[in-house]
N, C-alpha and C. Protein backbone atom coordinates (compact mmCIF):
# COMPACT_ATOMS: atom_id res chain seq x y z
N MET A 1 58.81 3.23 -112.15
CA MET A 1 57.86 2.59 -112.96
C MET A 1 58.48 1.53 -113.87
N GLY A 2 59.68 1.85 -114.35
CA GLY A 2 60.36 0.86 -115.15
C GLY A 2 60.72 -0.39 -114.41
N THR A 3 61.21 -0.21 -113.18
CA THR A 3 61.54 -1.38 -112.35
C THR A 3 60.32 -2.20 -112.08
N GLY A 4 59.19 -1.55 -111.80
CA GLY A 4 57.94 -2.38 -111.54
C GLY A 4 57.55 -3.11 -112.81
N ASP A 5 57.65 -2.49 -114.00
CA ASP A 5 57.31 -3.21 -115.23
C ASP A 5 58.26 -4.33 -115.49
N PHE A 6 59.58 -4.16 -115.19
CA PHE A 6 60.51 -5.25 -115.37
C PHE A 6 60.13 -6.39 -114.47
N ILE A 7 59.82 -6.18 -113.22
CA ILE A 7 59.41 -7.22 -112.31
C ILE A 7 58.16 -7.89 -112.83
N ALA A 8 57.21 -7.09 -113.31
CA ALA A 8 55.97 -7.68 -113.82
C ALA A 8 56.24 -8.59 -115.01
N GLN A 9 57.07 -8.13 -115.94
CA GLN A 9 57.33 -8.96 -117.10
C GLN A 9 58.14 -10.24 -116.77
N LYS A 10 59.18 -10.10 -115.97
CA LYS A 10 60.10 -11.23 -115.69
C LYS A 10 59.54 -12.20 -114.64
N PHE A 11 58.96 -11.67 -113.57
CA PHE A 11 58.64 -12.53 -112.45
C PHE A 11 57.13 -12.83 -112.32
N VAL A 12 56.30 -11.91 -112.79
CA VAL A 12 54.89 -12.16 -112.66
C VAL A 12 54.32 -12.83 -113.95
N GLU A 13 54.62 -12.18 -115.08
CA GLU A 13 54.22 -12.71 -116.40
C GLU A 13 55.14 -13.79 -116.93
N LYS A 14 56.33 -13.87 -116.33
CA LYS A 14 57.34 -14.83 -116.70
C LYS A 14 57.72 -14.85 -118.20
N LYS A 15 57.89 -13.66 -118.72
CA LYS A 15 58.28 -13.50 -120.09
C LYS A 15 59.76 -13.87 -120.27
N GLU A 16 60.06 -14.63 -121.27
CA GLU A 16 61.46 -14.96 -121.55
C GLU A 16 62.17 -13.79 -122.22
N VAL A 17 61.44 -13.06 -123.09
CA VAL A 17 62.03 -11.90 -123.76
C VAL A 17 61.22 -10.67 -123.30
N LEU A 18 61.96 -9.70 -122.78
CA LEU A 18 61.34 -8.47 -122.32
C LEU A 18 60.74 -7.69 -123.45
N ASP A 19 59.60 -7.13 -123.21
CA ASP A 19 59.00 -6.15 -124.17
C ASP A 19 59.66 -4.84 -123.84
N THR A 20 60.72 -4.51 -124.59
CA THR A 20 61.54 -3.34 -124.31
C THR A 20 60.80 -2.03 -124.57
N ARG A 21 59.90 -2.06 -125.54
CA ARG A 21 59.13 -0.83 -125.78
C ARG A 21 58.23 -0.52 -124.56
N ARG A 22 57.61 -1.56 -124.04
CA ARG A 22 56.75 -1.38 -122.86
C ARG A 22 57.58 -0.93 -121.69
N LEU A 23 58.74 -1.59 -121.44
CA LEU A 23 59.64 -1.19 -120.36
C LEU A 23 60.08 0.26 -120.50
N ALA A 24 60.50 0.65 -121.68
CA ALA A 24 60.96 2.01 -121.90
C ALA A 24 59.83 2.98 -121.71
N THR A 25 58.66 2.65 -122.10
CA THR A 25 57.48 3.54 -121.94
C THR A 25 57.14 3.74 -120.42
N PHE A 26 57.19 2.66 -119.66
CA PHE A 26 56.93 2.77 -118.24
C PHE A 26 58.03 3.59 -117.60
N ALA A 27 59.30 3.34 -117.94
CA ALA A 27 60.40 4.05 -117.35
C ALA A 27 60.33 5.54 -117.73
N GLY A 28 60.04 5.85 -118.98
CA GLY A 28 59.95 7.24 -119.44
C GLY A 28 58.78 7.97 -118.71
N LEU A 29 57.62 7.34 -118.58
CA LEU A 29 56.51 7.99 -117.90
C LEU A 29 56.88 8.26 -116.43
N GLY A 30 57.51 7.31 -115.80
CA GLY A 30 57.92 7.54 -114.42
C GLY A 30 58.86 8.65 -114.25
N THR A 31 59.85 8.71 -115.14
CA THR A 31 60.95 9.71 -115.06
C THR A 31 60.51 11.11 -115.44
N PHE A 32 59.78 11.19 -116.53
CA PHE A 32 59.47 12.52 -117.13
C PHE A 32 58.08 13.05 -116.83
N PHE A 33 57.21 12.16 -116.28
CA PHE A 33 55.82 12.61 -116.07
C PHE A 33 55.39 12.41 -114.60
N VAL A 34 55.35 11.17 -114.11
CA VAL A 34 54.85 10.88 -112.80
C VAL A 34 55.73 11.50 -111.71
N GLY A 35 57.05 11.27 -111.78
CA GLY A 35 57.96 11.78 -110.78
C GLY A 35 57.91 13.28 -110.62
N PRO A 36 58.00 14.05 -111.71
CA PRO A 36 57.91 15.54 -111.60
C PRO A 36 56.54 15.99 -111.06
N ILE A 37 55.46 15.36 -111.51
CA ILE A 37 54.15 15.72 -111.06
C ILE A 37 54.00 15.43 -109.57
N GLN A 38 54.44 14.26 -109.15
CA GLN A 38 54.35 13.96 -107.68
C GLN A 38 55.18 14.96 -106.86
N SER A 39 56.37 15.24 -107.28
CA SER A 39 57.16 16.18 -106.55
C SER A 39 56.51 17.54 -106.43
N THR A 40 55.99 18.05 -107.49
CA THR A 40 55.23 19.36 -107.50
C THR A 40 53.98 19.23 -106.61
N TRP A 41 53.25 18.13 -106.76
CA TRP A 41 52.02 17.94 -105.97
C TRP A 41 52.30 17.87 -104.51
N PHE A 42 53.34 17.17 -104.11
CA PHE A 42 53.70 17.03 -102.68
C PHE A 42 54.11 18.37 -102.10
N ARG A 43 54.86 19.14 -102.85
CA ARG A 43 55.26 20.50 -102.35
C ARG A 43 53.95 21.37 -102.25
N PHE A 44 53.07 21.28 -103.21
CA PHE A 44 51.82 22.05 -103.15
C PHE A 44 51.03 21.69 -101.90
N LEU A 45 50.84 20.38 -101.68
CA LEU A 45 50.08 19.93 -100.50
C LEU A 45 50.72 20.43 -99.25
N ASN A 46 52.04 20.33 -99.19
CA ASN A 46 52.77 20.78 -97.98
C ASN A 46 52.59 22.27 -97.73
N SER A 47 52.49 23.03 -98.80
CA SER A 47 52.31 24.50 -98.64
C SER A 47 50.91 24.89 -98.26
N LYS A 48 49.91 24.06 -98.55
CA LYS A 48 48.51 24.37 -98.31
C LYS A 48 47.96 23.93 -97.00
N VAL A 49 48.55 22.87 -96.43
CA VAL A 49 48.06 22.38 -95.10
C VAL A 49 48.82 23.14 -94.01
N PRO A 50 48.12 23.77 -93.12
CA PRO A 50 48.76 24.58 -92.09
C PRO A 50 49.86 23.85 -91.30
N PHE A 51 50.97 24.50 -91.18
CA PHE A 51 52.11 23.94 -90.44
C PHE A 51 51.90 23.84 -88.96
N HIS A 52 51.01 24.67 -88.43
CA HIS A 52 50.80 24.65 -86.96
C HIS A 52 49.87 23.46 -86.54
N TRP A 53 49.28 22.73 -87.49
CA TRP A 53 48.53 21.60 -87.13
C TRP A 53 49.44 20.47 -86.63
N PRO A 54 48.95 19.59 -85.76
CA PRO A 54 49.74 18.42 -85.29
C PRO A 54 50.06 17.57 -86.53
N PRO A 55 51.25 16.87 -86.50
CA PRO A 55 51.70 16.09 -87.62
C PRO A 55 50.68 15.03 -88.13
N VAL A 56 50.04 14.35 -87.22
CA VAL A 56 49.04 13.33 -87.61
C VAL A 56 47.86 13.96 -88.39
N GLN A 57 47.38 15.08 -87.87
CA GLN A 57 46.29 15.79 -88.56
C GLN A 57 46.72 16.24 -89.94
N ARG A 58 47.96 16.82 -89.99
CA ARG A 58 48.50 17.28 -91.35
C ARG A 58 48.59 16.11 -92.25
N GLY A 59 49.12 14.99 -91.79
CA GLY A 59 49.33 13.80 -92.62
C GLY A 59 48.01 13.24 -93.12
N LEU A 60 47.01 13.14 -92.25
CA LEU A 60 45.70 12.61 -92.67
C LEU A 60 44.95 13.52 -93.70
N VAL A 61 45.07 14.82 -93.43
CA VAL A 61 44.44 15.77 -94.37
C VAL A 61 45.10 15.65 -95.73
N LYS A 62 46.42 15.63 -95.75
CA LYS A 62 47.14 15.56 -97.06
C LYS A 62 46.79 14.23 -97.73
N MET A 63 46.70 13.10 -96.96
CA MET A 63 46.37 11.84 -97.55
C MET A 63 44.98 11.84 -98.17
N VAL A 64 44.02 12.41 -97.45
CA VAL A 64 42.63 12.45 -97.97
C VAL A 64 42.54 13.29 -99.25
N VAL A 65 43.19 14.44 -99.27
CA VAL A 65 43.17 15.28 -100.45
C VAL A 65 43.88 14.57 -101.63
N ASP A 66 45.01 13.95 -101.31
CA ASP A 66 45.78 13.22 -102.35
C ASP A 66 44.96 12.07 -102.95
N GLN A 67 44.37 11.27 -102.07
CA GLN A 67 43.64 10.11 -102.57
C GLN A 67 42.32 10.46 -103.18
N ALA A 68 41.73 11.60 -102.83
CA ALA A 68 40.46 11.99 -103.45
C ALA A 68 40.63 12.72 -104.76
N THR A 69 41.79 13.31 -104.95
CA THR A 69 41.98 14.15 -106.20
C THR A 69 43.12 13.58 -107.10
N MET A 70 44.34 13.56 -106.59
CA MET A 70 45.45 13.20 -107.45
C MET A 70 45.44 11.75 -107.79
N ALA A 71 45.19 10.87 -106.87
CA ALA A 71 45.28 9.42 -107.13
C ALA A 71 44.41 9.01 -108.32
N PRO A 72 43.12 9.33 -108.30
CA PRO A 72 42.26 8.87 -109.40
C PRO A 72 42.65 9.56 -110.70
N THR A 73 43.07 10.81 -110.62
CA THR A 73 43.47 11.53 -111.88
C THR A 73 44.76 10.92 -112.42
N MET A 74 45.73 10.65 -111.60
CA MET A 74 47.00 10.09 -112.06
C MET A 74 46.82 8.72 -112.67
N VAL A 75 46.06 7.87 -111.98
CA VAL A 75 45.85 6.49 -112.51
C VAL A 75 45.16 6.57 -113.90
N ALA A 76 44.13 7.37 -113.99
CA ALA A 76 43.43 7.50 -115.27
C ALA A 76 44.33 8.06 -116.35
N THR A 77 45.17 9.05 -116.02
CA THR A 77 46.04 9.66 -117.00
C THR A 77 47.12 8.66 -117.44
N VAL A 78 47.73 7.98 -116.51
CA VAL A 78 48.80 7.04 -116.88
C VAL A 78 48.20 5.90 -117.70
N MET A 79 47.07 5.41 -117.29
CA MET A 79 46.42 4.34 -118.07
C MET A 79 46.17 4.82 -119.48
N SER A 80 45.68 6.02 -119.63
CA SER A 80 45.34 6.56 -120.95
C SER A 80 46.58 6.71 -121.80
N LEU A 81 47.62 7.27 -121.20
CA LEU A 81 48.92 7.46 -121.97
C LEU A 81 49.47 6.12 -122.38
N LEU A 82 49.44 5.13 -121.52
CA LEU A 82 49.93 3.82 -121.88
C LEU A 82 49.06 3.17 -122.99
N GLU A 83 47.79 3.35 -122.92
CA GLU A 83 46.95 2.77 -123.99
C GLU A 83 47.22 3.47 -125.32
N LEU A 84 47.45 4.80 -125.30
CA LEU A 84 47.74 5.51 -126.52
C LEU A 84 49.07 5.10 -127.12
N ARG A 85 50.05 4.84 -126.23
CA ARG A 85 51.40 4.51 -126.66
C ARG A 85 51.59 3.04 -127.00
N LEU A 86 51.04 2.18 -126.18
CA LEU A 86 51.31 0.74 -126.33
C LEU A 86 50.10 -0.08 -126.74
N GLY A 87 48.91 0.48 -126.65
CA GLY A 87 47.70 -0.24 -126.94
C GLY A 87 47.14 0.08 -128.28
N SER A 88 45.90 0.39 -128.31
CA SER A 88 45.18 0.67 -129.56
C SER A 88 45.65 1.98 -130.22
N GLY A 89 46.08 2.90 -129.42
CA GLY A 89 46.50 4.18 -129.98
C GLY A 89 45.36 5.06 -130.33
N THR A 90 44.15 4.69 -129.80
CA THR A 90 42.94 5.50 -130.16
C THR A 90 42.24 5.92 -128.91
N LEU A 91 41.42 6.98 -129.01
CA LEU A 91 40.61 7.46 -127.90
C LEU A 91 39.56 6.42 -127.54
N SER A 92 39.01 5.72 -128.52
CA SER A 92 38.01 4.66 -128.19
C SER A 92 38.69 3.53 -127.42
N GLY A 93 39.92 3.28 -127.74
CA GLY A 93 40.69 2.22 -126.99
C GLY A 93 40.91 2.69 -125.51
N VAL A 94 41.23 4.01 -125.34
CA VAL A 94 41.39 4.53 -124.03
C VAL A 94 40.12 4.43 -123.26
N LYS A 95 39.01 4.76 -123.82
CA LYS A 95 37.70 4.72 -123.16
C LYS A 95 37.41 3.25 -122.73
N GLU A 96 37.63 2.32 -123.62
CA GLU A 96 37.39 0.93 -123.34
C GLU A 96 38.30 0.42 -122.18
N GLU A 97 39.56 0.79 -122.25
CA GLU A 97 40.53 0.45 -121.24
C GLU A 97 40.14 0.95 -119.86
N LEU A 98 39.72 2.22 -119.81
CA LEU A 98 39.29 2.84 -118.53
C LEU A 98 38.03 2.15 -118.04
N GLN A 99 37.08 1.86 -118.92
CA GLN A 99 35.85 1.22 -118.46
C GLN A 99 36.12 -0.15 -117.92
N ASN A 100 37.03 -0.91 -118.55
CA ASN A 100 37.28 -2.29 -118.22
C ASN A 100 38.22 -2.47 -117.02
N LYS A 101 39.22 -1.59 -116.86
CA LYS A 101 40.26 -1.89 -115.83
C LYS A 101 40.36 -0.84 -114.77
N TYR A 102 39.97 0.36 -115.05
CA TYR A 102 40.17 1.47 -114.06
C TYR A 102 39.50 1.14 -112.71
N PRO A 103 38.27 0.68 -112.63
CA PRO A 103 37.62 0.46 -111.34
C PRO A 103 38.42 -0.56 -110.47
N THR A 104 38.90 -1.63 -111.08
CA THR A 104 39.64 -2.65 -110.34
C THR A 104 41.00 -2.09 -109.89
N ILE A 105 41.69 -1.42 -110.79
CA ILE A 105 43.01 -0.86 -110.43
C ILE A 105 42.87 0.19 -109.32
N MET A 106 41.90 1.08 -109.43
CA MET A 106 41.71 2.08 -108.37
C MET A 106 41.29 1.43 -107.09
N GLY A 107 40.38 0.47 -107.14
CA GLY A 107 39.96 -0.23 -105.92
C GLY A 107 41.11 -0.89 -105.21
N ASN A 108 41.97 -1.53 -105.96
CA ASN A 108 43.19 -2.14 -105.37
C ASN A 108 44.20 -1.08 -104.86
N GLY A 109 44.23 0.06 -105.57
CA GLY A 109 45.07 1.17 -105.07
C GLY A 109 44.62 1.66 -103.74
N TYR A 110 43.32 1.72 -103.55
CA TYR A 110 42.77 2.21 -102.28
C TYR A 110 42.98 1.22 -101.14
N LYS A 111 43.38 0.01 -101.46
CA LYS A 111 43.72 -0.96 -100.39
C LYS A 111 45.13 -0.78 -99.89
N VAL A 112 45.97 -0.01 -100.71
CA VAL A 112 47.36 0.16 -100.38
C VAL A 112 47.73 1.62 -100.03
N TRP A 113 47.35 2.53 -100.94
CA TRP A 113 47.89 3.87 -100.87
C TRP A 113 47.41 4.74 -99.74
N PRO A 114 46.21 4.67 -99.26
CA PRO A 114 45.84 5.56 -98.14
C PRO A 114 46.73 5.35 -96.91
N ALA A 115 47.00 4.12 -96.58
CA ALA A 115 47.85 3.81 -95.40
C ALA A 115 49.29 4.29 -95.68
N VAL A 116 49.80 3.99 -96.87
CA VAL A 116 51.17 4.41 -97.21
C VAL A 116 51.29 5.90 -97.16
N GLN A 117 50.33 6.64 -97.79
CA GLN A 117 50.44 8.10 -97.81
C GLN A 117 50.20 8.71 -96.47
N ALA A 118 49.32 8.18 -95.68
CA ALA A 118 49.09 8.72 -94.34
C ALA A 118 50.38 8.63 -93.54
N LEU A 119 51.09 7.53 -93.60
CA LEU A 119 52.36 7.41 -92.88
C LEU A 119 53.44 8.32 -93.52
N ASN A 120 53.47 8.33 -94.81
CA ASN A 120 54.44 9.11 -95.54
C ASN A 120 54.24 10.61 -95.21
N PHE A 121 53.02 11.09 -95.35
CA PHE A 121 52.76 12.55 -95.08
C PHE A 121 52.92 12.91 -93.67
N THR A 122 52.82 11.98 -92.76
CA THR A 122 52.91 12.26 -91.35
C THR A 122 54.39 12.25 -90.85
N PHE A 123 55.11 11.24 -91.30
CA PHE A 123 56.44 11.04 -90.70
C PHE A 123 57.69 11.33 -91.62
N THR A 124 57.44 11.44 -92.92
CA THR A 124 58.57 11.62 -93.82
C THR A 124 58.73 13.12 -94.16
N PRO A 125 59.97 13.64 -94.07
CA PRO A 125 60.17 15.03 -94.50
C PRO A 125 59.80 15.18 -95.97
N VAL A 126 59.23 16.33 -96.27
CA VAL A 126 58.69 16.56 -97.62
C VAL A 126 59.68 16.25 -98.74
N GLN A 127 60.97 16.53 -98.54
CA GLN A 127 61.94 16.28 -99.58
C GLN A 127 62.15 14.82 -99.87
N TYR A 128 61.69 13.95 -99.01
CA TYR A 128 61.83 12.48 -99.22
C TYR A 128 60.54 11.77 -99.52
N GLN A 129 59.43 12.48 -99.55
CA GLN A 129 58.13 11.84 -99.75
C GLN A 129 57.98 11.19 -101.13
N VAL A 130 58.46 11.81 -102.15
CA VAL A 130 58.41 11.18 -103.48
C VAL A 130 59.25 9.86 -103.47
N LEU A 131 60.38 9.90 -102.86
CA LEU A 131 61.26 8.70 -102.75
C LEU A 131 60.54 7.59 -102.05
N VAL A 132 59.85 7.85 -100.91
CA VAL A 132 59.14 6.86 -100.23
C VAL A 132 58.02 6.30 -101.09
N THR A 133 57.29 7.18 -101.77
CA THR A 133 56.22 6.76 -102.64
C THR A 133 56.78 5.87 -103.79
N GLN A 134 57.91 6.20 -104.31
CA GLN A 134 58.45 5.42 -105.42
C GLN A 134 59.03 4.07 -104.92
N LEU A 135 59.53 4.01 -103.69
CA LEU A 135 59.99 2.72 -103.14
C LEU A 135 58.78 1.76 -103.05
N VAL A 136 57.70 2.23 -102.48
CA VAL A 136 56.49 1.42 -102.41
C VAL A 136 55.95 1.20 -103.84
N GLY A 137 56.14 2.25 -104.67
CA GLY A 137 55.68 2.17 -106.04
C GLY A 137 56.27 1.06 -106.89
N VAL A 138 57.43 0.59 -106.50
CA VAL A 138 58.00 -0.55 -107.31
C VAL A 138 57.07 -1.71 -107.29
N ALA A 139 56.57 -2.09 -106.12
CA ALA A 139 55.58 -3.18 -106.01
C ALA A 139 54.29 -2.78 -106.66
N TRP A 140 53.81 -1.55 -106.39
CA TRP A 140 52.58 -1.08 -107.01
C TRP A 140 52.65 -1.11 -108.52
N ASN A 141 53.79 -0.67 -109.10
CA ASN A 141 53.92 -0.57 -110.53
C ASN A 141 54.01 -2.00 -111.17
N ALA A 142 54.59 -2.97 -110.43
CA ALA A 142 54.56 -4.34 -110.89
C ALA A 142 53.13 -4.82 -111.00
N TYR A 143 52.35 -4.53 -109.96
CA TYR A 143 50.90 -4.87 -110.05
C TYR A 143 50.22 -4.08 -111.19
N PHE A 144 50.44 -2.79 -111.23
CA PHE A 144 49.81 -1.89 -112.22
C PHE A 144 50.13 -2.38 -113.66
N SER A 145 51.36 -2.67 -113.94
CA SER A 145 51.77 -3.14 -115.24
C SER A 145 51.11 -4.43 -115.58
N THR A 146 51.06 -5.36 -114.66
CA THR A 146 50.40 -6.65 -114.91
C THR A 146 48.92 -6.43 -115.14
N ALA A 147 48.27 -5.62 -114.26
CA ALA A 147 46.83 -5.41 -114.42
C ALA A 147 46.49 -4.69 -115.74
N LYS A 148 47.34 -3.71 -116.08
CA LYS A 148 47.09 -2.98 -117.30
C LYS A 148 47.23 -3.86 -118.53
N ASN A 149 48.14 -4.83 -118.48
CA ASN A 149 48.41 -5.68 -119.65
C ASN A 149 47.70 -7.05 -119.56
N ARG A 150 46.92 -7.29 -118.56
CA ARG A 150 46.22 -8.53 -118.37
C ARG A 150 45.07 -8.64 -119.38
N HIS A 151 44.76 -9.85 -119.76
CA HIS A 151 43.62 -10.17 -120.60
C HIS A 151 43.72 -9.46 -121.95
N GLY A 152 44.86 -9.16 -122.35
CA GLY A 152 44.99 -8.49 -123.69
C GLY A 152 46.21 -8.98 -124.38
N LEU A 153 46.24 -8.61 -125.62
CA LEU A 153 47.39 -8.94 -126.45
C LEU A 153 48.44 -7.80 -126.25
N ASN A 154 49.70 -8.13 -126.53
CA ASN A 154 50.66 -7.06 -126.41
C ASN A 154 50.45 -6.11 -127.59
N TYR A 155 51.11 -5.01 -127.54
CA TYR A 155 50.81 -3.91 -128.48
C TYR A 155 51.12 -4.33 -129.95
N ASP A 156 52.12 -5.18 -130.17
CA ASP A 156 52.42 -5.61 -131.58
C ASP A 156 51.23 -6.43 -132.14
N GLN A 157 50.75 -7.36 -131.30
CA GLN A 157 49.63 -8.22 -131.76
C GLN A 157 48.36 -7.35 -131.99
N ARG A 158 48.11 -6.39 -131.13
CA ARG A 158 46.87 -5.57 -131.29
C ARG A 158 46.96 -4.74 -132.57
N LYS A 159 48.15 -4.15 -132.83
CA LYS A 159 48.31 -3.29 -134.01
C LYS A 159 48.23 -4.12 -135.28
N GLN A 160 48.66 -5.38 -135.21
CA GLN A 160 48.62 -6.24 -136.39
C GLN A 160 47.25 -6.90 -136.59
N GLY A 161 46.42 -6.78 -135.57
CA GLY A 161 45.09 -7.32 -135.64
C GLY A 161 45.01 -8.83 -135.48
N THR A 162 46.05 -9.39 -134.81
CA THR A 162 46.06 -10.82 -134.59
C THR A 162 45.62 -11.18 -133.19
């Protein structure tokens, strides 16, 4: 997540000076929240989908369950945590952020992640599935960071009311 935010700031937003608080927040969320949850989630999915099913069927079932349950929950949670940490810091700010940006971010996620996860869950050994997700996630997180921070002021400006 940190790498994606770095790419977003330097190459998409073309910032001359990195917002290090934002970068550290993205990196911390990826390291201590998203990564461990994904790892646990992938092991859970692997344990619940019958091993005797053909690999393509297993992969598609795991992808559908992942995209119907975990994906929308994770995006909403990460957006909320980022808004609380870097944005308004209020629940009303979280609500506004989710109303304004969540549908677009999720819609764009559904253009990418179902195909990635279907292939990942079908062909990648479970111990490497988080790694594959995070490799694709570098590009996704660059988009996510840009989309999350688009049309708004950075956290310092919002907190100062300017």
